[in-house]
Amino acid sequence: MENKIIRNILYYKNYYLDFFNTLDFKVKRKLNWTLKLISEVERVPIKYFKHIEDSKGLYEVRIEVGSNIY
């Protein structure tokens, strides 16, 4: 069964791609998994996805790979 997209993810300019291209394979894989989770799951755990206070529709995405947090 194909998952339904319930949330669109928008990237501002090339900042995300520039950052993504500097990462190693394991981090890219985890980041892609996290973004897929955010786009398809109604209630995303705050561990991965947190609304930035005093903003309108701006969220922080966080991933952990080993002892590093991105």
Protein backbone atom coordinates (compact mmCIF):
# COMPACT_ATOMS: atom_id res chain seq x y z
CA MET A 1 0.00 0.00 0.00
CA GLU A 2 1.34 3.41 -0.96
CA ASN A 3 1.57 6.03 1.78
CA LYS A 4 -0.39 9.22 1.35
CA ILE A 5 1.39 12.58 1.51
CA ILE A 6 -0.26 14.65 4.24
CA ARG A 7 2.38 17.35 4.65
CA ASN A 8 4.43 19.19 2.03
CA ILE A 9 8.04 20.01 2.75
CA LEU A 10 9.36 23.22 1.22
CA TYR A 11 13.02 24.17 0.96
CA TYR A 12 14.22 27.76 0.97
CA LYS A 13 16.54 28.54 -1.95
CA ASN A 14 19.46 26.06 -2.20
CA TYR A 15 20.32 26.03 1.52
CA TYR A 16 19.01 22.52 2.07
CA LEU A 17 20.65 20.98 -1.00
CA ASP A 18 23.95 22.69 -0.24
CA PHE A 19 23.83 21.27 3.29
CA PHE A 20 22.63 17.81 2.14
CA ASN A 21 25.49 17.49 -0.36
CA THR A 22 28.07 17.89 2.43
CA LEU A 23 26.75 14.89 4.40
CA ASP A 24 27.98 11.31 4.33
CA PHE A 25 25.80 8.44 3.10
CA LYS A 26 24.47 7.33 6.52
CA VAL A 27 23.36 10.84 7.43
CA LYS A 28 21.71 11.37 4.01
CA ARG A 29 19.83 8.09 4.38
CA LYS A 30 18.56 9.01 7.87
CA LEU A 31 17.61 12.51 6.75
CA ASN A 32 15.64 11.12 3.78
CA TRP A 33 13.89 8.63 6.08
CA THR A 34 12.99 11.44 8.52
CA LEU A 35 11.62 13.71 5.79
CA LYS A 36 9.51 10.83 4.44
CA LEU A 37 8.16 10.22 7.97
CA ILE A 38 7.30 13.90 8.38
CA SER A 39 5.47 14.00 5.05
CA GLU A 40 3.41 10.83 5.65
CA VAL A 41 2.64 10.60 9.38
CA GLU A 42 -0.09 12.67 11.03
CA ARG A 43 1.59 12.91 14.45
CA VAL A 44 5.34 13.16 14.06
CA PRO A 45 7.34 12.65 17.28
CA ILE A 46 8.80 15.90 18.61
CA LYS A 47 12.18 14.14 18.54
CA TYR A 48 12.18 14.67 14.74
CA PHE A 49 9.91 17.63 14.11
CA LYS A 50 9.29 20.69 16.29
CA HIS A 51 7.38 23.90 15.62
CA ILE A 52 9.56 26.98 16.10
CA GLU A 53 7.82 29.24 18.61
CA ASP A 54 6.55 32.63 17.44
CA SER A 55 6.69 31.53 13.80
CA LYS A 56 3.97 30.80 11.30
CA GLY A 57 4.48 27.34 9.80
CA LEU A 58 8.23 27.10 10.44
CA TYR A 59 9.55 23.83 11.88
CA GLU A 60 12.89 22.42 12.94
CA VAL A 61 13.82 18.97 11.67
CA ARG A 62 16.33 17.09 13.82
CA ILE A 63 18.07 13.82 13.17
CA GLU A 64 20.51 11.82 15.24
CA VAL A 65 23.20 9.65 13.65
CA GLY A 66 25.60 8.11 16.10
CA SER A 67 26.60 10.85 18.53
CA ASN A 68 25.87 13.67 16.06
CA ILE A 69 22.68 15.70 15.82
CA TYR A 70 21.80 17.56 12.61
